[in-house]
Amino acid sequence: MTKSELIARIAERNPHLFQRDVERIVSTIFDQISIALANGDRVELRGFGAFSVKHRDSRVGRNPRTGEAVNVSEKTVPYFKTGKQLRDLLNATQTTESTPSLDDLSTTAPGLVRPIG
């Protein structure tokens, strides 16, 4: 799902909100998560997962084409760890053939999906 598809689904499920307002809400959420990560903070969305930042030390890597040793500088990378409710939902869908809908999510993983408004 892309950001625009997410916005369209949220707008569709919440007809009392204008699409431009939904776009602003989604962009603001993503921007705040990005800002928090850039500041080295951890962002936890209970039941969904937690975003954090991990530091990777410099190392010697290999060029896959030539096999030549290459110095890889240290860097900071984003990291996501799934929450228990999301993990349970994903594992429950592996045993069934159908993909859950938002209505299914509210019963399978209470607290994970809440209507806006």
PDB file of N, CA and C in Angstrom:
ATOM      1  N   MET A   1       0.846  -1.171   0.000  1.00  0.00           N
ATOM      2  CA  MET A   1       0.000   0.000   0.000  1.00  0.00           C
ATOM      3  C   MET A   1       0.896   1.240   0.000  1.00  0.00           C
ATOM      4  N   THR A   2       0.576   2.183  -0.857  1.00  0.00           N
ATOM      5  CA  THR A   2       1.324   3.429  -0.915  1.00  0.00           C
ATOM      6  C   THR A   2       0.667   4.465  -0.003  1.00  0.00           C
ATOM      7  N   LYS A   3       1.360   5.558   0.185  1.00  0.00           N
ATOM      8  CA  LYS A   3       0.823   6.634   1.028  1.00  0.00           C
ATOM      9  C   LYS A   3      -0.497   7.156   0.462  1.00  0.00           C
ATOM     10  N   SER A   4      -0.574   7.324  -0.854  1.00  0.00           N
ATOM     11  CA  SER A   4      -1.809   7.828  -1.465  1.00  0.00           C
ATOM     12  C   SER A   4      -2.945   6.826  -1.324  1.00  0.00           C
ATOM     13  N   GLU A   5      -2.651   5.532  -1.386  1.00  0.00           N
ATOM     14  CA  GLU A   5      -3.680   4.515  -1.174  1.00  0.00           C
ATOM     15  C   GLU A   5      -4.171   4.530   0.265  1.00  0.00           C
ATOM     16  N   LEU A   6      -3.254   4.726   1.205  1.00  0.00           N
ATOM     17  CA  LEU A   6      -3.622   4.832   2.615  1.00  0.00           C
ATOM     18  C   LEU A   6      -4.553   6.022   2.838  1.00  0.00           C
ATOM     19  N   ILE A   7      -4.196   7.151   2.260  1.00  0.00           N
ATOM     20  CA  ILE A   7      -5.016   8.357   2.380  1.00  0.00           C
ATOM     21  C   ILE A   7      -6.403   8.117   1.791  1.00  0.00           C
ATOM     22  N   ALA A   8      -6.460   7.481   0.637  1.00  0.00           N
ATOM     23  CA  ALA A   8      -7.746   7.210  -0.011  1.00  0.00           C
ATOM     24  C   ALA A   8      -8.612   6.286   0.845  1.00  0.00           C
ATOM     25  N   ARG A   9      -8.016   5.264   1.444  1.00  0.00           N
ATOM     26  CA  ARG A   9      -8.792   4.344   2.291  1.00  0.00           C
ATOM     27  C   ARG A   9      -9.310   5.031   3.540  1.00  0.00           C
ATOM     28  N   ILE A  10      -8.477   5.838   4.162  1.00  0.00           N
ATOM     29  CA  ILE A  10      -8.914   6.552   5.365  1.00  0.00           C
ATOM     30  C   ILE A  10     -10.031   7.527   5.019  1.00  0.00           C
ATOM     31  N   ALA A  11      -9.884   8.251   3.920  1.00  0.00           N
ATOM     32  CA  ALA A  11     -10.918   9.200   3.489  1.00  0.00           C
ATOM     33  C   ALA A  11     -12.219   8.477   3.163  1.00  0.00           C
ATOM     34  N   GLU A  12     -12.107   7.314   2.552  1.00  0.00           N
ATOM     35  CA  GLU A  12     -13.292   6.527   2.193  1.00  0.00           C
ATOM     36  C   GLU A  12     -14.043   6.045   3.435  1.00  0.00           C
ATOM     37  N   ARG A  13     -13.300   5.629   4.450  1.00  0.00           N
ATOM     38  CA  ARG A  13     -13.921   5.128   5.684  1.00  0.00           C
ATOM     39  C   ARG A  13     -14.394   6.243   6.611  1.00  0.00           C
ATOM     40  N   ASN A  14     -13.991   7.466   6.339  1.00  0.00           N
ATOM     41  CA  ASN A  14     -14.374   8.616   7.162  1.00  0.00           C
ATOM     42  C   ASN A  14     -14.911   9.725   6.266  1.00  0.00           C
ATOM     43  N   PRO A  15     -16.128   9.562   5.749  1.00  0.00           N
ATOM     44  CA  PRO A  15     -16.661  10.535   4.787  1.00  0.00           C
ATOM     45  C   PRO A  15     -16.861  11.939   5.369  1.00  0.00           C
ATOM     46  N   HIS A  16     -16.859  12.058   6.691  1.00  0.00           N
ATOM     47  CA  HIS A  16     -17.007  13.369   7.310  1.00  0.00           C
ATOM     48  C   HIS A  16     -15.717  14.192   7.239  1.00  0.00           C
ATOM     49  N   LEU A  17     -14.617  13.573   6.825  1.00  0.00           N
ATOM     50  CA  LEU A  17     -13.341  14.282   6.676  1.00  0.00           C
ATOM     51  C   LEU A  17     -13.072  14.549   5.200  1.00  0.00           C
ATOM     52  N   PHE A  18     -12.565  15.736   4.916  1.00  0.00           N
ATOM     53  CA  PHE A  18     -12.158  16.060   3.544  1.00  0.00           C
ATOM     54  C   PHE A  18     -10.849  15.334   3.236  1.00  0.00           C
ATOM     55  N   GLN A  19     -10.663  14.971   1.970  1.00  0.00           N
ATOM     56  CA  GLN A  19      -9.439  14.266   1.584  1.00  0.00           C
ATOM     57  C   GLN A  19      -8.204  15.108   1.892  1.00  0.00           C
ATOM     58  N   ARG A  20      -8.265  16.416   1.680  1.00  0.00           N
ATOM     59  CA  ARG A  20      -7.089  17.266   1.959  1.00  0.00           C
ATOM     60  C   ARG A  20      -6.741  17.247   3.443  1.00  0.00           C
ATOM     61  N   ASP A  21      -7.762  17.123   4.314  1.00  0.00           N
ATOM     62  CA  ASP A  21      -7.497  17.035   5.747  1.00  0.00           C
ATOM     63  C   ASP A  21      -6.850  15.700   6.101  1.00  0.00           C
ATOM     64  N   VAL A  22      -7.314  14.624   5.469  1.00  0.00           N
ATOM     65  CA  VAL A  22      -6.722  13.306   5.696  1.00  0.00           C
ATOM     66  C   VAL A  22      -5.267  13.310   5.229  1.00  0.00           C
ATOM     67  N   GLU A  23      -5.005  13.933   4.074  1.00  0.00           N
ATOM     68  CA  GLU A  23      -3.624  14.050   3.583  1.00  0.00           C
ATOM     69  C   GLU A  23      -2.749  14.775   4.590  1.00  0.00           C
ATOM     70  N   ARG A  24      -3.259  15.856   5.149  1.00  0.00           N
ATOM     71  CA  ARG A  24      -2.502  16.645   6.122  1.00  0.00           C
ATOM     72  C   ARG A  24      -2.246  15.824   7.390  1.00  0.00           C
ATOM     73  N   ILE A  25      -3.250  15.065   7.839  1.00  0.00           N
ATOM     74  CA  ILE A  25      -3.099  14.237   9.041  1.00  0.00           C
ATOM     75  C   ILE A  25      -2.030  13.174   8.823  1.00  0.00           C
ATOM     76  N   VAL A  26      -2.135  12.437   7.717  1.00  0.00           N
ATOM     77  CA  VAL A  26      -1.177  11.363   7.433  1.00  0.00           C
ATOM     78  C   VAL A  26       0.231  11.931   7.274  1.00  0.00           C
ATOM     79  N   SER A  27       0.365  13.028   6.551  1.00  0.00           N
ATOM     80  CA  SER A  27       1.688  13.648   6.365  1.00  0.00           C
ATOM     81  C   SER A  27       2.263  14.119   7.689  1.00  0.00           C
ATOM     82  N   THR A  28       1.428  14.689   8.537  1.00  0.00           N
ATOM     83  CA  THR A  28       1.889  15.164   9.839  1.00  0.00           C
ATOM     84  C   THR A  28       2.381  14.000  10.697  1.00  0.00           C
ATOM     85  N   ILE A  29       1.650  12.892  10.684  1.00  0.00           N
ATOM     86  CA  ILE A  29       2.071  11.718  11.462  1.00  0.00           C
ATOM     87  C   ILE A  29       3.424  11.218  10.965  1.00  0.00           C
ATOM     88  N   PHE A  30       3.562  11.054   9.653  1.00  0.00           N
ATOM     89  CA  PHE A  30       4.833  10.578   9.101  1.00  0.00           C
ATOM     90  C   PHE A  30       5.964  11.563   9.369  1.00  0.00           C
ATOM     91  N   ASP A  31       5.681  12.863   9.250  1.00  0.00           N
ATOM     92  CA  ASP A  31       6.703  13.875   9.512  1.00  0.00           C
ATOM     93  C   ASP A  31       7.168  13.822  10.967  1.00  0.00           C
ATOM     94  N   GLN A  32       6.223  13.672  11.896  1.00  0.00           N
ATOM     95  CA  GLN A  32       6.587  13.630  13.314  1.00  0.00           C
ATOM     96  C   GLN A  32       7.385  12.379  13.654  1.00  0.00           C
ATOM     97  N   ILE A  33       7.040  11.251  13.032  1.00  0.00           N
ATOM     98  CA  ILE A  33       7.831  10.036  13.232  1.00  0.00           C
ATOM     99  C   ILE A  33       9.246  10.252  12.698  1.00  0.00           C
ATOM    100  N   SER A  34       9.364  10.860  11.521  1.00  0.00           N
ATOM    101  CA  SER A  34      10.686  11.121  10.917  1.00  0.00           C
ATOM    102  C   SER A  34      11.510  12.072  11.780  1.00  0.00           C
ATOM    103  N   ILE A  35      10.886  13.123  12.287  1.00  0.00           N
ATOM    104  CA  ILE A  35      11.594  14.095  13.128  1.00  0.00           C
ATOM    105  C   ILE A  35      12.077  13.428  14.410  1.00  0.00           C
ATOM    106  N   ALA A  36      11.216  12.622  15.028  1.00  0.00           N
ATOM    107  CA  ALA A  36      11.599  11.937  16.264  1.00  0.00           C
ATOM    108  C   ALA A  36      12.790  11.008  16.016  1.00  0.00           C
ATOM    109  N   LEU A  37      12.757  10.261  14.909  1.00  0.00           N
ATOM    110  CA  LEU A  37      13.870   9.368  14.594  1.00  0.00           C
ATOM    111  C   LEU A  37      15.146  10.153  14.307  1.00  0.00           C
ATOM    112  N   ALA A  38      15.010  11.278  13.614  1.00  0.00           N
ATOM    113  CA  ALA A  38      16.183  12.107  13.321  1.00  0.00           C
ATOM    114  C   ALA A  38      16.811  12.643  14.605  1.00  0.00           C
ATOM    115  N   ASN A  39      15.987  12.818  15.644  1.00  0.00           N
ATOM    116  CA  ASN A  39      16.491  13.281  16.944  1.00  0.00           C
ATOM    117  C   ASN A  39      16.984  12.125  17.814  1.00  0.00           C
ATOM    118  N   GLY A  40      16.910  10.901  17.274  1.00  0.00           N
ATOM    119  CA  GLY A  40      17.376   9.738  18.018  1.00  0.00           C
ATOM    120  C   GLY A  40      16.345   9.170  18.970  1.00  0.00           C
ATOM    121  N   ASP A  41      15.104   9.639  18.890  1.00  0.00           N
ATOM    122  CA  ASP A  41      14.045   9.161  19.779  1.00  0.00           C
ATOM    123  C   ASP A  41      13.431   7.869  19.245  1.00  0.00           C
ATOM    124  N   ARG A  42      12.719   7.198  20.109  1.00  0.00           N
ATOM    125  CA  ARG A  42      11.987   5.977  19.767  1.00  0.00           C
ATOM    126  C   ARG A  42      10.511   6.331  19.658  1.00  0.00           C
ATOM    127  N   VAL A  43       9.821   5.790  18.655  1.00  0.00           N
ATOM    128  CA  VAL A  43       8.393   6.049  18.470  1.00  0.00           C
ATOM    129  C   VAL A  43       7.664   4.723  18.593  1.00  0.00           C
ATOM    130  N   GLU A  44       6.785   4.630  19.588  1.00  0.00           N
ATOM    131  CA  GLU A  44       6.044   3.396  19.809  1.00  0.00           C
ATOM    132  C   GLU A  44       4.573   3.615  19.521  1.00  0.00           C
ATOM    133  N   LEU A  45       4.033   2.787  18.647  1.00  0.00           N
ATOM    134  CA  LEU A  45       2.610   2.785  18.343  1.00  0.00           C
ATOM    135  C   LEU A  45       2.080   1.476  18.915  1.00  0.00           C
ATOM    136  N   ARG A  46       1.512   1.566  20.099  1.00  0.00           N
ATOM    137  CA  ARG A  46       1.113   0.383  20.871  1.00  0.00           C
ATOM    138  C   ARG A  46       0.286  -0.585  20.017  1.00  0.00           C
ATOM    139  N   GLY A  47       0.694  -1.847  19.997  1.00  0.00           N
ATOM    140  CA  GLY A  47       0.006  -2.871  19.242  1.00  0.00           C
ATOM    141  C   GLY A  47       0.486  -2.983  17.801  1.00  0.00           C
ATOM    142  N   PHE A  48       1.027  -1.896  17.253  1.00  0.00           N
ATOM    143  CA  PHE A  48       1.499  -1.902  15.870  1.00  0.00           C
ATOM    144  C   PHE A  48       2.990  -2.190  15.820  1.00  0.00           C
ATOM    145  N   GLY A  49       3.760  -1.403  16.562  1.00  0.00           N
ATOM    146  CA  GLY A  49       5.200  -1.618  16.574  1.00  0.00           C
ATOM    147  C   GLY A  49       5.942  -0.392  17.047  1.00  0.00           C
ATOM    148  N   ALA A  50       7.253  -0.491  17.024  1.00  0.00           N
ATOM    149  CA  ALA A  50       8.098   0.595  17.494  1.00  0.00           C
ATOM    150  C   ALA A  50       9.177   0.900  16.457  1.00  0.00           C
ATOM    151  N   PHE A  51       9.345   2.185  16.175  1.00  0.00           N
ATOM    152  CA  PHE A  51      10.405   2.654  15.302  1.00  0.00           C
ATOM    153  C   PHE A  51      11.535   3.151  16.196  1.00  0.00           C
ATOM    154  N   SER A  52      12.748   2.806  15.851  1.00  0.00           N
ATOM    155  CA  SER A  52      13.900   3.304  16.583  1.00  0.00           C
ATOM    156  C   SER A  52      15.061   3.468  15.611  1.00  0.00           C
ATOM    157  N   VAL A  53      16.171   3.939  16.146  1.00  0.00           N
ATOM    158  CA  VAL A  53      17.356   4.190  15.340  1.00  0.00           C
ATOM    159  C   VAL A  53      18.478   3.305  15.869  1.00  0.00           C
ATOM    160  N   LYS A  54      19.173   2.645  14.973  1.00  0.00           N
ATOM    161  CA  LYS A  54      20.315   1.813  15.362  1.00  0.00           C
ATOM    162  C   LYS A  54      21.580   2.371  14.718  1.00  0.00           C
ATOM    163  N   HIS A  55      22.661   2.258  15.457  1.00  0.00           N
ATOM    164  CA  HIS A  55      23.955   2.730  14.976  1.00  0.00           C
ATOM    165  C   HIS A  55      24.747   1.533  14.462  1.00  0.00           C
ATOM    166  N   ARG A  56      25.266   1.662  13.255  1.00  0.00           N
ATOM    167  CA  ARG A  56      26.114   0.615  12.687  1.00  0.00           C
ATOM    168  C   ARG A  56      27.545   1.145  12.588  1.00  0.00           C
ATOM    169  N   ASP A  57      28.465   0.406  13.153  1.00  0.00           N
ATOM    170  CA  ASP A  57      29.871   0.793  13.114  1.00  0.00           C
ATOM    171  C   ASP A  57      30.428   0.636  11.702  1.00  0.00           C
ATOM    172  N   SER A  58      31.548   1.307  11.461  1.00  0.00           N
ATOM    173  CA  SER A  58      32.214   1.142  10.166  1.00  0.00           C
ATOM    174  C   SER A  58      32.761  -0.284  10.080  1.00  0.00           C
ATOM    175  N   ARG A  59      32.883  -0.765   8.865  1.00  0.00           N
ATOM    176  CA  ARG A  59      33.333  -2.137   8.667  1.00  0.00           C
ATOM    177  C   ARG A  59      33.955  -2.258   7.285  1.00  0.00           C
ATOM    178  N   VAL A  60      34.547  -3.409   7.054  1.00  0.00           N
ATOM    179  CA  VAL A  60      35.092  -3.708   5.738  1.00  0.00           C
ATOM    180  C   VAL A  60      34.095  -4.631   5.047  1.00  0.00           C
ATOM    181  N   GLY A  61      33.593  -4.180   3.902  1.00  0.00           N
ATOM    182  CA  GLY A  61      32.655  -4.986   3.121  1.00  0.00           C
ATOM    183  C   GLY A  61      33.324  -5.486   1.854  1.00  0.00           C
ATOM    184  N   ARG A  62      32.558  -6.111   1.008  1.00  0.00           N
ATOM    185  CA  ARG A  62      33.080  -6.633  -0.256  1.00  0.00           C
ATOM    186  C   ARG A  62      32.229  -6.136  -1.402  1.00  0.00           C
ATOM    187  N   ASN A  63      32.891  -5.746  -2.479  1.00  0.00           N
ATOM    188  CA  ASN A  63      32.194  -5.411  -3.707  1.00  0.00           C
ATOM    189  C   ASN A  63      31.723  -6.742  -4.295  1.00  0.00           C
ATOM    190  N   PRO A  64      30.395  -6.930  -4.435  1.00  0.00           N
ATOM    191  CA  PRO A  64      29.910  -8.235  -4.897  1.00  0.00           C
ATOM    192  C   PRO A  64      30.352  -8.590  -6.319  1.00  0.00           C
ATOM    193  N   ARG A  65      30.620  -7.590  -7.123  1.00  0.00           N
ATOM    194  CA  ARG A  65      31.017  -7.858  -8.508  1.00  0.00           C
ATOM    195  C   ARG A  65      32.480  -8.292  -8.609  1.00  0.00           C
ATOM    196  N   THR A  66      33.355  -7.581  -7.881  1.00  0.00           N
ATOM    197  CA  THR A  66      34.791  -7.863  -8.016  1.00  0.00           C
ATOM    198  C   THR A  66      35.369  -8.627  -6.838  1.00  0.00           C
ATOM    199  N   GLY A  67      34.665  -8.636  -5.700  1.00  0.00           N
ATOM    200  CA  GLY A  67      35.191  -9.287  -4.505  1.00  0.00           C
ATOM    201  C   GLY A  67      36.196  -8.427  -3.769  1.00  0.00           C
ATOM    202  N   GLU A  68      36.446  -7.207  -4.268  1.00  0.00           N
ATOM    203  CA  GLU A  68      37.412  -6.295  -3.662  1.00  0.00           C
ATOM    204  C   GLU A  68      36.898  -5.786  -2.316  1.00  0.00           C
ATOM    205  N   ALA A  69      37.803  -5.645  -1.341  1.00  0.00           N
ATOM    206  CA  ALA A  69      37.450  -5.111  -0.024  1.00  0.00           C
ATOM    207  C   ALA A  69      37.108  -3.630  -0.146  1.00  0.00           C
ATOM    208  N   VAL A  70      36.034  -3.220   0.517  1.00  0.00           N
ATOM    209  CA  VAL A  70      35.572  -1.832   0.471  1.00  0.00           C
ATOM    210  C   VAL A  70      35.293  -1.377   1.891  1.00  0.00           C
ATOM    211  N   ASN A  71      35.764  -0.196   2.252  1.00  0.00           N
ATOM    212  CA  ASN A  71      35.468   0.361   3.570  1.00  0.00           C
ATOM    213  C   ASN A  71      34.063   0.944   3.568  1.00  0.00           C
ATOM    214  N   VAL A  72      33.232   0.489   4.502  1.00  0.00           N
ATOM    215  CA  VAL A  72      31.873   0.991   4.648  1.00  0.00           C
ATOM    216  C   VAL A  72      31.866   1.853   5.896  1.00  0.00           C
ATOM    217  N   SER A  73      31.490   3.132   5.736  1.00  0.00           N
ATOM    218  CA  SER A  73      31.537   4.050   6.870  1.00  0.00           C
ATOM    219  C   SER A  73      30.408   3.762   7.855  1.00  0.00           C
ATOM    220  N   GLU A  74      30.550   4.279   9.072  1.00  0.00           N
ATOM    221  CA  GLU A  74      29.512   4.102  10.081  1.00  0.00           C
ATOM    222  C   GLU A  74      28.264   4.868   9.663  1.00  0.00           C
ATOM    223  N   LYS A  75      27.123   4.380  10.119  1.00  0.00           N
ATOM    224  CA  LYS A  75      25.881   5.038   9.749  1.00  0.00           C
ATOM    225  C   LYS A  75      24.805   4.745  10.784  1.00  0.00           C
ATOM    226  N   THR A  76      23.770   5.533  10.723  1.00  0.00           N
ATOM    227  CA  THR A  76      22.612   5.358  11.573  1.00  0.00           C
ATOM    228  C   THR A  76      21.451   4.949  10.666  1.00  0.00           C
ATOM    229  N   VAL A  77      20.742   3.886  11.036  1.00  0.00           N
ATOM    230  CA  VAL A  77      19.674   3.365  10.197  1.00  0.00           C
ATOM    231  C   VAL A  77      18.379   3.247  11.010  1.00  0.00           C
ATOM    232  N   PRO A  78      17.232   3.419  10.336  1.00  0.00           N
ATOM    233  CA  PRO A  78      15.961   3.222  11.037  1.00  0.00           C
ATOM    234  C   PRO A  78      15.708   1.732  11.250  1.00  0.00           C
ATOM    235  N   TYR A  79      15.012   1.416  12.324  1.00  0.00           N
ATOM    236  CA  TYR A  79      14.708   0.035  12.674  1.00  0.00           C
ATOM    237  C   TYR A  79      13.249  -0.037  13.104  1.00  0.00           C
ATOM    238  N   PHE A  80      12.537  -1.089  12.690  1.00  0.00           N
ATOM    239  CA  PHE A  80      11.145  -1.273  13.082  1.00  0.00           C
ATOM    240  C   PHE A  80      10.969  -2.643  13.700  1.00  0.00           C
ATOM    241  N   LYS A  81      10.348  -2.682  14.871  1.00  0.00           N
ATOM    242  CA  LYS A  81      10.040  -3.947  15.527  1.00  0.00           C
ATOM    243  C   LYS A  81       8.532  -4.032  15.663  1.00  0.00           C
ATOM    244  N   THR A  82       7.945  -5.109  15.155  1.00  0.00           N
ATOM    245  CA  THR A  82       6.490  -5.242  15.197  1.00  0.00           C
ATOM    246  C   THR A  82       5.996  -5.431  16.622  1.00  0.00           C
ATOM    247  N   GLY A  83       4.775  -4.931  16.856  1.00  0.00           N
ATOM    248  CA  GLY A  83       4.121  -5.121  18.137  1.00  0.00           C
ATOM    249  C   GLY A  83       3.464  -6.492  18.192  1.00  0.00           C
ATOM    250  N   LYS A  84       3.110  -6.914  19.403  1.00  0.00           N
ATOM    251  CA  LYS A  84       2.536  -8.239  19.585  1.00  0.00           C
ATOM    252  C   LYS A  84       1.221  -8.400  18.833  1.00  0.00           C
ATOM    253  N   GLN A  85       0.349  -7.407  18.875  1.00  0.00           N
ATOM    254  CA  GLN A  85      -0.943  -7.526  18.196  1.00  0.00           C
ATOM    255  C   GLN A  85      -0.773  -7.662  16.685  1.00  0.00           C
ATOM    256  N   LEU A  86       0.137  -6.896  16.101  1.00  0.00           N
ATOM    257  CA  LEU A  86       0.382  -7.000  14.662  1.00  0.00           C
ATOM    258  C   LEU A  86       0.979  -8.352  14.319  1.00  0.00           C
ATOM    259  N   ARG A  87       1.930  -8.801  15.118  1.00  0.00           N
ATOM    260  CA  ARG A  87       2.544 -10.121  14.895  1.00  0.00           C
ATOM    261  C   ARG A  87       1.494 -11.224  14.971  1.00  0.00           C
ATOM    262  N   ASP A  88       0.611 -11.143  15.994  1.00  0.00           N
ATOM    263  CA  ASP A  88      -0.455 -12.141  16.135  1.00  0.00           C
ATOM    264  C   ASP A  88      -1.389 -12.110  14.936  1.00  0.00           C
ATOM    265  N   LEU A  89      -1.706 -10.911  14.458  1.00  0.00           N
ATOM    266  CA  LEU A  89      -2.589 -10.769  13.303  1.00  0.00           C
ATOM    267  C   LEU A  89      -1.949 -11.387  12.060  1.00  0.00           C
ATOM    268  N   LEU A  90      -0.674 -11.115  11.835  1.00  0.00           N
ATOM    269  CA  LEU A  90       0.024 -11.659  10.668  1.00  0.00           C
ATOM    270  C   LEU A  90       0.108 -13.177  10.733  1.00  0.00           C
ATOM    271  N   ASN A  91       0.362 -13.707  11.898  1.00  0.00           N
ATOM    272  CA  ASN A  91       0.458 -15.158  12.045  1.00  0.00           C
ATOM    273  C   ASN A  91      -0.910 -15.820  11.947  1.00  0.00           C
ATOM    274  N   ALA A  92      -1.970 -15.135  12.363  1.00  0.00           N
ATOM    275  CA  ALA A  92      -3.321 -15.684  12.250  1.00  0.00           C
ATOM    276  C   ALA A  92      -3.743 -15.754  10.790  1.00  0.00           C
ATOM    277  N   THR A  93      -3.324 -14.775   9.961  1.00  0.00           N
ATOM    278  CA  THR A  93      -3.722 -14.771   8.553  1.00  0.00           C
ATOM    279  C   THR A  93      -2.968 -15.815   7.747  1.00  0.00           C
ATOM    280  N   GLN A  94      -1.832 -16.278   8.234  1.00  0.00           N
ATOM    281  CA  GLN A  94      -1.101 -17.320   7.515  1.00  0.00           C
ATOM    282  C   GLN A  94      -1.842 -18.645   7.563  1.00  0.00           C
ATOM    283  N   THR A  95      -2.673 -18.838   8.584  1.00  0.00           N
ATOM    284  CA  THR A  95      -3.404 -20.089   8.700  1.00  0.00           C
ATOM    285  C   THR A  95      -4.719 -20.051   7.943  1.00  0.00           C
ATOM    286  N   THR A  96      -5.163 -18.846   7.529  1.00  0.00           N
ATOM    287  CA  THR A  96      -6.401 -18.738   6.762  1.00  0.00           C
ATOM    288  C   THR A  96      -6.080 -18.264   5.354  1.00  0.00           C
ATOM    289  N   GLU A  97      -7.011 -18.475   4.459  1.00  0.00           N
ATOM    290  CA  GLU A  97      -6.794 -18.121   3.060  1.00  0.00           C
ATOM    291  C   GLU A  97      -7.091 -16.656   2.763  1.00  0.00           C
ATOM    292  N   SER A  98      -8.033 -16.033   3.498  1.00  0.00           N
ATOM    293  CA  SER A  98      -8.475 -14.682   3.158  1.00  0.00           C
ATOM    294  C   SER A  98      -7.643 -13.619   3.857  1.00  0.00           C
ATOM    295  N   THR A  99      -7.624 -12.429   3.265  1.00  0.00           N
ATOM    296  CA  THR A  99      -6.951 -11.285   3.846  1.00  0.00           C
ATOM    297  C   THR A  99      -7.937 -10.571   4.757  1.00  0.00           C
ATOM    298  N   PRO A 100      -7.530 -10.217   5.985  1.00  0.00           N
ATOM    299  CA  PRO A 100      -8.470  -9.574   6.898  1.00  0.00           C
ATOM    300  C   PRO A 100      -8.820  -8.159   6.441  1.00  0.00           C
ATOM    301  N   SER A 101     -10.045  -7.747   6.754  1.00  0.00           N
ATOM    302  CA  SER A 101     -10.470  -6.380   6.481  1.00  0.00           C
ATOM    303  C   SER A 101     -10.282  -5.564   7.757  1.00  0.00           C
ATOM    304  N   LEU A 102     -10.541  -4.266   7.679  1.00  0.00           N
ATOM    305  CA  LEU A 102     -10.443  -3.436   8.873  1.00  0.00           C
ATOM    306  C   LEU A 102     -11.433  -3.885   9.937  1.00  0.00           C
ATOM    307  N   ASP A 103     -12.604  -4.378   9.532  1.00  0.00           N
ATOM    308  CA  ASP A 103     -13.578  -4.879  10.492  1.00  0.00           C
ATOM    309  C   ASP A 103     -13.037  -6.107  11.211  1.00  0.00           C
ATOM    310  N   ASP A 104     -12.329  -6.979  10.482  1.00  0.00           N
ATOM    311  CA  ASP A 104     -11.728  -8.161  11.096  1.00  0.00           C
ATOM    312  C   ASP A 104     -10.645  -7.768  12.090  1.00  0.00           C
ATOM    313  N   LEU A 105      -9.912  -6.704  11.775  1.00  0.00           N
ATOM    314  CA  LEU A 105      -8.821  -6.283  12.639  1.00  0.00           C
ATOM    315  C   LEU A 105      -9.315  -5.861  14.008  1.00  0.00           C
ATOM    316  N   SER A 106     -10.478  -5.224  14.070  1.00  0.00           N
ATOM    317  CA  SER A 106     -10.961  -4.740  15.352  1.00  0.00           C
ATOM    318  C   SER A 106     -11.324  -5.899  16.276  1.00  0.00           C
ATOM    319  N   THR A 107     -11.678  -7.062  15.727  1.00  0.00           N
ATOM    320  CA  THR A 107     -11.980  -8.209  16.578  1.00  0.00           C
ATOM    321  C   THR A 107     -10.742  -9.082  16.804  1.00  0.00           C
ATOM    322  N   THR A 108      -9.887  -9.191  15.792  1.00  0.00           N
ATOM    323  CA  THR A 108      -8.675 -10.006  15.913  1.00  0.00           C
ATOM    324  C   THR A 108      -7.645  -9.345  16.812  1.00  0.00           C
ATOM    325  N   ALA A 109      -7.487  -8.038  16.636  1.00  0.00           N
ATOM    326  CA  ALA A 109      -6.490  -7.297  17.401  1.00  0.00           C
ATOM    327  C   ALA A 109      -7.146  -6.060  17.995  1.00  0.00           C
ATOM    328  N   PRO A 110      -7.911  -6.222  19.085  1.00  0.00           N
ATOM    329  CA  PRO A 110      -8.579  -5.062  19.667  1.00  0.00           C
ATOM    330  C   PRO A 110      -7.573  -3.999  20.068  1.00  0.00           C
ATOM    331  N   GLY A 111      -7.910  -2.771  19.799  1.00  0.00           N
ATOM    332  CA  GLY A 111      -7.018  -1.670  20.138  1.00  0.00           C
ATOM    333  C   GLY A 111      -6.081  -1.298  19.013  1.00  0.00           C
ATOM    334  N   LEU A 112      -5.881  -2.181  18.040  1.00  0.00           N
ATOM    335  CA  LEU A 112      -4.971  -1.881  16.940  1.00  0.00           C
ATOM    336  C   LEU A 112      -5.628  -0.919  15.960  1.00  0.00           C
ATOM    337  N   VAL A 113      -6.905  -1.114  15.669  1.00  0.00           N
ATOM    338  CA  VAL A 113      -7.607  -0.270  14.699  1.00  0.00           C
ATOM    339  C   VAL A 113      -8.739   0.433  15.408  1.00  0.00           C
ATOM    340  N   ARG A 114      -8.693   1.738  15.393  1.00  0.00           N
ATOM    341  CA  ARG A 114      -9.771   2.528  15.968  1.00  0.00           C
ATOM    342  C   ARG A 114     -10.242   3.507  14.923  1.00  0.00           C
ATOM    343  N   PRO A 115     -11.570   3.669  14.786  1.00  0.00           N
ATOM    344  CA  PRO A 115     -12.074   4.625  13.790  1.00  0.00           C
ATOM    345  C   PRO A 115     -11.669   6.045  14.138  1.00  0.00           C
ATOM    346  N   ILE A 116     -11.474   6.864  13.129  1.00  0.00           N
ATOM    347  CA  ILE A 116     -11.136   8.263  13.324  1.00  0.00           C
ATOM    348  C   ILE A 116     -12.434   9.042  13.408  1.00  0.00           C
ATOM    349  N   GLY A 117     -12.510   9.952  14.357  1.00  0.00           N
ATOM    350  CA  GLY A 117     -13.693  10.826  14.451  1.00  0.00           C
ATOM    351  C   GLY A 117     -14.687  10.474  15.465  1.00  0.00           C
TER     352      GLY A 117
END
